[in-house]
Protein backbone atom coordinates (compact mmCIF):
# COMPACT_ATOMS: atom_id res chain seq x y z
CA UNK A 1 -29.64 8.20 -2.89
CA UNK A 2 -29.34 4.54 -3.88
CA UNK A 3 -25.75 3.33 -3.88
CA UNK A 4 -24.61 -0.17 -4.87
CA UNK A 5 -21.93 -1.19 -2.38
CA UNK A 6 -19.78 -4.13 -1.39
CA UNK A 7 -20.50 -4.91 2.25
CA UNK A 8 -18.85 -6.97 4.94
CA UNK A 9 -21.95 -7.86 6.95
CA UNK A 10 -20.25 -10.10 9.53
CA UNK A 11 -16.98 -11.94 9.95
CA UNK A 12 -16.19 -13.71 6.66
CA UNK A 13 -19.50 -12.63 5.07
CA UNK A 14 -19.45 -10.61 1.83
CA UNK A 15 -22.49 -9.15 0.08
CA UNK A 16 -23.27 -6.74 -2.74
CA UNK A 17 -26.30 -4.64 -1.94
CA UNK A 18 -28.05 -1.41 -2.77
CA UNK A 19 -27.86 0.87 0.25
CA UNK A 20 -29.19 4.31 0.99
CA UNK A 21 -26.36 6.87 1.13
CA UNK A 22 -27.10 10.24 2.67
CA UNK A 23 -24.96 12.20 0.19
CA UNK A 24 -27.46 14.73 -1.13
CA UNK A 25 -27.75 17.63 -1.01
CA UNK A 26 -23.98 18.12 -1.23
CA UNK A 27 -22.15 20.43 1.12
CA UNK A 28 -20.61 23.52 -0.45
CA UNK A 29 -17.12 21.97 -0.53
CA UNK A 30 -18.16 18.42 -1.45
CA UNK A 31 -17.66 16.49 -4.67
CA UNK A 32 -19.80 13.52 -5.73
CA UNK A 33 -18.00 10.96 -7.88
CA UNK A 34 -19.23 7.90 -9.72
CA UNK A 35 -16.65 5.18 -9.23
CA UNK A 36 -14.86 3.75 -12.25
CA UNK A 37 -12.31 1.49 -10.50
CA UNK A 38 -11.41 0.62 -6.91
CA UNK A 39 -8.49 -1.46 -5.64
CA UNK A 40 -8.48 -4.00 -2.81
CA UNK A 41 -5.94 -3.36 -0.07
CA UNK A 42 -5.56 -7.03 0.80
CA UNK A 43 -3.88 -6.83 4.19
CA UNK A 44 -6.28 -4.32 5.73
CA UNK A 45 -9.44 -5.55 4.06
CA UNK A 46 -8.88 -9.21 4.87
CA UNK A 47 -8.19 -8.22 8.47
CA UNK A 48 -11.49 -6.32 8.48
CA UNK A 49 -13.28 -9.28 6.93
CA UNK A 50 -11.92 -11.61 9.61
CA UNK A 51 -13.19 -9.30 12.36
CA UNK A 52 -9.86 -8.49 13.99
CA UNK A 53 -9.91 -4.74 13.31
CA UNK A 54 -11.68 -2.97 16.18
CA UNK A 55 -12.33 0.18 14.14
CA UNK A 56 -14.27 -1.69 11.43
CA UNK A 57 -17.84 -2.25 12.56
CA UNK A 58 -20.11 -4.65 10.65
CA UNK A 59 -21.93 -4.06 8.40
CA UNK A 60 -19.71 -1.67 6.48
CA UNK A 61 -18.16 -1.02 3.09
CA UNK A 62 -14.43 -1.84 2.84
CA UNK A 63 -11.89 -0.16 0.61
CA UNK A 64 -10.04 3.13 0.54
CA UNK A 65 -8.63 3.81 -2.90
CA UNK A 66 -10.56 4.51 -6.09
CA UNK A 67 -10.91 6.71 -9.14
CA UNK A 68 -14.22 8.19 -10.19
CA UNK A 69 -15.88 10.71 -12.46
CA UNK A 70 -17.18 13.95 -10.95
CA UNK A 71 -20.96 14.08 -11.45
CA UNK A 72 -21.88 16.90 -9.09
CA UNK A 73 -20.10 19.41 -6.89
CA UNK A 74 -20.80 21.93 -4.17
CA UNK A 75 -21.07 25.67 -4.78
CA UNK A 76 -17.62 26.52 -3.39
CA UNK A 77 -15.54 23.75 -4.96
CA UNK A 78 -12.71 25.22 -7.03
CA UNK A 79 -10.47 23.72 -9.72
CA UNK A 80 -12.77 20.76 -10.41
CA UNK A 81 -15.58 20.46 -12.95
CA UNK A 82 -18.08 17.73 -13.80
CA UNK A 83 -16.42 15.08 -15.94
CA UNK A 84 -13.04 15.32 -14.21
CA UNK A 85 -11.55 12.02 -13.04
CA UNK A 86 -10.65 12.13 -9.36
CA UNK A 87 -8.39 9.89 -7.30
CA UNK A 88 -9.70 9.64 -3.74
CA UNK A 89 -9.92 7.36 -0.76
CA UNK A 90 -13.45 6.22 -1.46
CA UNK A 91 -14.67 2.72 -0.71
CA UNK A 92 -15.93 -0.11 -2.89
CA UNK A 93 -19.21 1.55 -3.83
CA UNK A 94 -20.90 3.01 -6.88
CA UNK A 95 -20.77 6.60 -5.59
CA UNK A 96 -18.39 8.35 -3.20
CA UNK A 97 -18.31 11.86 -1.75
CA UNK A 98 -15.14 13.82 -0.99
CA UNK A 99 -15.08 16.92 1.20
CA UNK A 100 -12.41 19.05 -0.48
CA UNK A 101 -12.20 21.39 2.54
CA UNK A 102 -11.39 18.57 4.98
CA UNK A 103 -7.64 18.40 5.64
CA UNK A 104 -7.94 14.67 6.29
CA UNK A 105 -9.46 13.85 2.90
CA UNK A 106 -7.70 13.45 -0.44
CA UNK A 107 -8.99 14.68 -3.79
CA UNK A 108 -6.44 14.62 -6.64
CA UNK A 109 -7.11 14.92 -10.36
CA UNK A 110 -6.07 11.83 -12.30
CA UNK A 111 -3.79 12.52 -15.28
CA UNK A 112 -5.79 12.60 -18.49
CA UNK A 113 -3.31 10.37 -20.32
CA UNK A 114 -3.08 7.63 -17.68
CA UNK A 115 -5.05 4.35 -17.74
CA UNK A 116 -7.75 4.82 -15.13
CA UNK A 117 -7.61 1.26 -13.82
CA UNK A 118 -4.05 1.90 -12.59
CA UNK A 119 -4.86 5.11 -10.68
CA UNK A 120 -6.11 3.38 -7.47
CA UNK A 121 -2.69 1.73 -7.07
CA UNK A 122 -1.48 5.18 -6.02
CA UNK A 123 -2.62 4.55 -2.45
CA UNK A 124 -0.55 1.41 -2.04
CA UNK A 125 2.48 3.15 -3.51
CA UNK A 126 2.18 6.10 -1.14
CA UNK A 127 1.90 3.64 1.75
CA UNK A 128 5.19 2.12 0.58
CA UNK A 129 6.69 5.58 0.06
CA UNK A 130 6.43 6.27 3.79
CA UNK A 131 9.28 3.81 4.33
CA UNK A 132 11.47 5.79 1.94
CA UNK A 133 10.52 9.14 3.44
CA UNK A 134 11.67 8.18 6.93
CA UNK A 135 14.71 6.19 5.83
CA UNK A 136 18.29 7.33 5.39
CA UNK A 137 18.69 5.53 2.05
CA UNK A 138 21.31 7.15 -0.17
CA UNK A 139 22.93 6.33 -3.48
CA UNK A 140 24.76 3.00 -3.25
CA UNK A 141 23.15 1.78 -0.01
CA UNK A 142 22.09 -1.85 0.26
CA UNK A 143 18.36 -2.09 0.90
CA UNK A 144 16.61 -5.33 1.81
CA UNK A 145 12.83 -5.64 1.53
CA UNK A 146 11.20 -8.57 3.34
CA UNK A 147 7.81 -9.35 1.84
CA UNK A 148 7.17 -8.77 -1.87
CA UNK A 149 3.42 -8.37 -1.92
CA UNK A 150 1.89 -5.23 -3.37
CA UNK A 151 3.31 -2.78 -0.81
CA UNK A 152 6.67 -4.55 -0.49
CA UNK A 153 7.15 -4.69 -4.26
CA UNK A 154 6.47 -0.97 -4.54
CA UNK A 155 8.81 -0.25 -1.62
CA UNK A 156 11.55 -2.18 -3.43
CA UNK A 157 10.97 -0.25 -6.65
CA UNK A 158 10.99 3.08 -4.83
CA UNK A 159 14.18 2.19 -2.95
CA UNK A 160 15.83 1.53 -6.30
CA UNK A 161 14.66 4.91 -7.61
CA UNK A 162 16.19 6.50 -4.50
CA UNK A 163 19.58 5.01 -5.37
CA UNK A 164 19.57 1.86 -3.28
CA UNK A 165 20.92 -1.52 -4.39
CA UNK A 166 17.80 -3.52 -3.58
CA UNK A 167 17.53 -7.10 -2.40
CA UNK A 168 13.97 -8.45 -2.35
CA UNK A 169 13.13 -11.38 -0.07
CA UNK A 170 10.01 -13.51 0.15
CA UNK A 171 8.97 -17.09 0.85
CA UNK A 172 7.03 -17.24 -2.42
CA UNK A 173 8.82 -18.08 -5.64
CA UNK A 174 6.00 -16.44 -7.62
CA UNK A 175 6.32 -13.12 -5.79
CA UNK A 176 10.07 -13.23 -6.21
CA UNK A 177 9.65 -13.74 -9.96
CA UNK A 178 7.13 -10.90 -10.07
CA UNK A 179 9.57 -8.59 -8.28
CA UNK A 180 12.23 -9.48 -10.83
CA UNK A 181 9.78 -8.64 -13.61
CA UNK A 182 9.34 -5.24 -11.95
CA UNK A 183 13.08 -4.54 -12.01
CA UNK A 184 14.20 -5.88 -8.64
CA UNK A 185 17.15 -7.84 -9.99
CA UNK A 186 18.35 -9.22 -6.64
CA UNK A 187 15.27 -11.10 -5.47
CA UNK A 188 15.37 -14.42 -3.65
CA UNK A 189 13.05 -16.96 -2.12
CA UNK A 190 14.16 -17.11 1.49
CA UNK A 191 16.13 -20.22 2.40
CA UNK A 192 17.39 -19.93 6.00
CA UNK A 193 20.40 -22.08 5.11
CA UNK A 194 21.70 -19.78 2.38
CA UNK A 195 20.17 -16.31 2.70
CA UNK A 196 22.94 -14.88 4.88
CA UNK A 197 25.56 -15.95 2.34
CA UNK A 198 23.54 -14.52 -0.55
CA UNK A 199 23.20 -11.13 1.15
CA UNK A 200 26.85 -11.13 2.17
CA UNK A 201 27.95 -11.82 -1.40
CA UNK A 202 25.92 -8.92 -2.80
CA UNK A 203 26.95 -6.49 -0.06
CA UNK A 204 30.63 -7.53 -0.01
CA UNK A 205 30.20 -8.68 3.56
CA UNK A 206 28.88 -5.34 4.81
CA UNK A 207 25.29 -6.43 5.32
CA UNK A 208 22.23 -4.37 4.56
CA UNK A 209 22.20 -0.65 5.19
CA UNK A 210 18.41 -0.58 5.45
CA UNK A 211 15.94 -3.41 6.09
CA UNK A 212 12.30 -2.73 5.19
CA UNK A 213 9.93 -5.20 6.84
CA UNK A 214 6.82 -5.21 4.65
CA UNK A 215 4.99 -8.38 5.70
CA UNK A 216 3.40 -7.19 8.93
CA UNK A 217 4.08 -10.70 10.26
CA UNK A 218 6.00 -10.25 13.52
CA UNK A 219 7.66 -13.64 13.01
CA UNK A 220 9.53 -12.33 9.97
CA UNK A 221 11.58 -9.68 11.73
CA UNK A 222 13.80 -11.56 14.24
CA UNK A 223 15.20 -13.88 11.55
CA UNK A 224 16.00 -10.92 9.29
CA UNK A 225 17.91 -8.81 11.83
CA UNK A 226 21.26 -10.63 11.31
CA UNK A 227 21.15 -9.56 7.64
CA UNK A 228 21.52 -5.91 8.64
CA UNK A 229 24.96 -4.36 8.77
CA UNK A 230 26.49 -2.27 11.54
CA UNK A 231 24.55 0.91 12.36
CA UNK A 232 21.84 -0.09 9.90
CA UNK A 233 18.18 0.85 10.12
CA UNK A 234 15.05 -1.29 10.30
CA UNK A 235 11.91 0.22 8.76
CA UNK A 236 8.68 -1.32 10.03
CA UNK A 237 6.38 -0.80 7.04
CA UNK A 238 3.89 -3.66 7.37
CA UNK A 239 1.23 -3.25 10.07
CA UNK A 240 1.91 -5.92 12.73
CA UNK A 241 -1.00 -8.30 13.24
CA UNK A 242 -1.41 -11.46 15.27
CA UNK A 243 0.22 -12.67 18.45
CA UNK A 244 3.86 -13.67 18.54
CA UNK A 245 5.86 -14.83 21.54
CA UNK A 246 9.60 -14.31 21.38
CA UNK A 247 12.65 -13.21 23.35
CA UNK A 248 12.40 -9.42 23.22
CA UNK A 249 15.77 -9.07 24.93
CA UNK A 250 17.48 -10.70 21.97
CA UNK A 251 15.82 -8.29 19.53
CA UNK A 252 16.67 -5.29 21.70
CA UNK A 253 20.30 -6.35 21.83
CA UNK A 254 20.52 -5.57 18.10
CA UNK A 255 19.50 -2.02 18.97
CA UNK A 256 21.62 -1.49 22.06
CA UNK A 257 24.81 -3.51 21.66
CA UNK A 258 27.55 -2.25 19.38
CA UNK A 259 28.68 -5.82 18.82
CA UNK A 260 25.29 -6.67 17.34
CA UNK A 261 25.06 -3.61 15.14
CA UNK A 262 23.50 -0.77 17.18
CA UNK A 263 20.56 -0.89 14.79
CA UNK A 264 17.88 1.78 14.62
CA UNK A 265 14.20 0.86 14.41
CA UNK A 266 11.73 3.22 12.71
CA UNK A 267 7.97 2.98 12.24
CA UNK A 268 6.59 3.80 8.80
CA UNK A 269 2.85 4.19 9.30
CA UNK A 270 1.52 6.48 6.57
CA UNK A 271 -0.37 8.69 9.04
CA UNK A 272 2.86 10.13 10.45
CA UNK A 273 2.54 12.71 7.64
CA UNK A 274 -0.33 15.17 7.11
CA UNK A 275 -2.77 14.44 4.32
CA UNK A 276 -2.97 17.93 2.84
CA UNK A 277 0.00 20.03 1.82
CA UNK A 278 1.35 22.11 4.70
CA UNK A 279 3.68 25.07 4.27
CA UNK A 280 5.61 24.02 7.38
CA UNK A 281 5.98 20.31 6.55
CA UNK A 282 7.91 19.10 3.50
CA UNK A 283 6.11 15.80 3.02
CA UNK A 284 2.39 15.14 2.85
CA UNK A 285 0.28 12.33 1.48
CA UNK A 286 -1.12 14.70 -1.14
CA UNK A 287 2.37 15.60 -2.36
CA UNK A 288 3.41 11.94 -2.31
CA UNK A 289 0.30 11.03 -4.34
CA UNK A 290 1.05 13.65 -6.99
CA UNK A 291 4.66 12.44 -7.22
CA UNK A 292 3.51 8.82 -7.56
CA UNK A 293 1.09 9.66 -10.36
CA UNK A 294 3.93 11.42 -12.20
CA UNK A 295 6.22 8.41 -11.72
CA UNK A 296 3.54 6.07 -13.03
CA UNK A 297 2.91 8.25 -16.06
CA UNK A 298 6.63 8.37 -16.82
CA UNK A 299 6.92 4.58 -16.64
CA UNK A 300 9.36 4.76 -13.72
CA UNK A 301 7.19 2.48 -11.58
CA UNK A 302 6.07 -0.92 -12.85
CA UNK A 303 2.41 -1.33 -11.95
CA UNK A 304 0.82 -3.41 -14.71
CA UNK A 305 2.64 -6.66 -13.75
CA UNK A 306 1.09 -6.35 -10.29
CA UNK A 307 -2.43 -5.85 -11.63
CA UNK A 308 -3.48 -9.48 -11.64
CA UNK A 309 -7.29 -9.33 -11.66
CA UNK A 310 -10.11 -7.05 -12.79
CA UNK A 311 -13.53 -8.17 -11.61
CA UNK A 312 -17.01 -6.66 -11.50
CA UNK A 313 -18.41 -5.94 -8.02
CA UNK A 314 -20.82 -8.84 -8.52
CA UNK A 315 -17.79 -11.13 -8.15
CA UNK A 316 -16.62 -9.61 -4.86
CA UNK A 317 -16.97 -12.95 -3.09
CA UNK A 318 -14.65 -14.57 -5.62
CA UNK A 319 -12.15 -11.73 -5.29
CA UNK A 320 -11.81 -11.97 -1.53
CA UNK A 321 -11.73 -15.78 -1.53
CA UNK A 322 -8.91 -15.62 -4.04
CA UNK A 323 -7.02 -13.17 -1.83
CA UNK A 324 -7.55 -15.46 1.15
CA UNK A 325 -6.76 -18.78 -0.49
CA UNK A 326 -4.48 -18.00 -3.45
CA UNK A 327 -2.25 -15.19 -2.20
CA UNK A 328 0.46 -15.81 -4.78
CA UNK A 329 -1.96 -15.39 -7.68
CA UNK A 330 -4.19 -12.60 -6.38
CA UNK A 331 -1.88 -9.61 -5.93
CA UNK A 332 -3.54 -6.51 -7.38
CA UNK A 333 -7.32 -6.96 -7.49
CA UNK A 334 -9.36 -4.16 -9.07
CA UNK A 335 -13.14 -3.83 -9.09
CA UNK A 336 -14.53 -2.46 -12.36
CA UNK A 337 -17.63 -0.31 -11.71
CA UNK A 338 -18.03 1.01 -15.26
CA UNK A 339 -20.98 -1.28 -16.05
CA UNK A 340 -22.79 -0.69 -12.75
């Protein structure tokens, strides 16, 4: 079937084209959806566009979070009917197919009373939620989040919901202001000359209990380690990219030496949890997604301030150039497929 899709055809080349998708006939457990909205995951998609991700082979369609209307389903699909709105991990294309029997695929009904354009943000929130799931954050803990982009902002909000006293840190004044608008009251633009004093004042000299590194920039971590208190934990949420040469011994001393804190480092890649619910595992991405949708519906997570742009797929080039060149202005970029 013909399927209008955003394509990365080569490094730094973006096209919108009609491609042939081998979706039909559907398998007995498959669901065909017509996309309403899809969200750009800036960090991953810009890395794919630049050609640094080995798993992304040109030409290909980027994207992995969308909401769409069910238009057809296989004979053995249960609990879903045509017309239902489905949140899935489909790409930036007119039509997507979800195999509901595949334990590595996600297919969740969108709440009927929730604005559809906000549903794709669920994926970025569940990515951020991984940091909370593996952390030891308890009521009254001091939680620092370095990097207040989409994922970092959501991590800060979730840490607050978990009972943490959150301190958001970023180099960008605009992202700091945006975090404050989302309820992160202690948010600062990082000034190396004063940041230690600011954190010490808020934490009464104890330092952070948990440090969530959400930038993925390996240069950000070493400078942040002194902000962490004794026996604190470092959560590596952002995917590290790019080369960085440093003194690893100095970083490891924060882990090993009692005099430097005996810190614990933890990785927070979302794939450490199963996608589908599992009777033997408490957390899953499906369960996290359902919880996130409930939190969004209840107004406990601020999403609208982070939704900065809605563009038709015909303006994909403009969207990605904005994400590349105007990072402080292009935060949450949604493609609107309703007129396609």
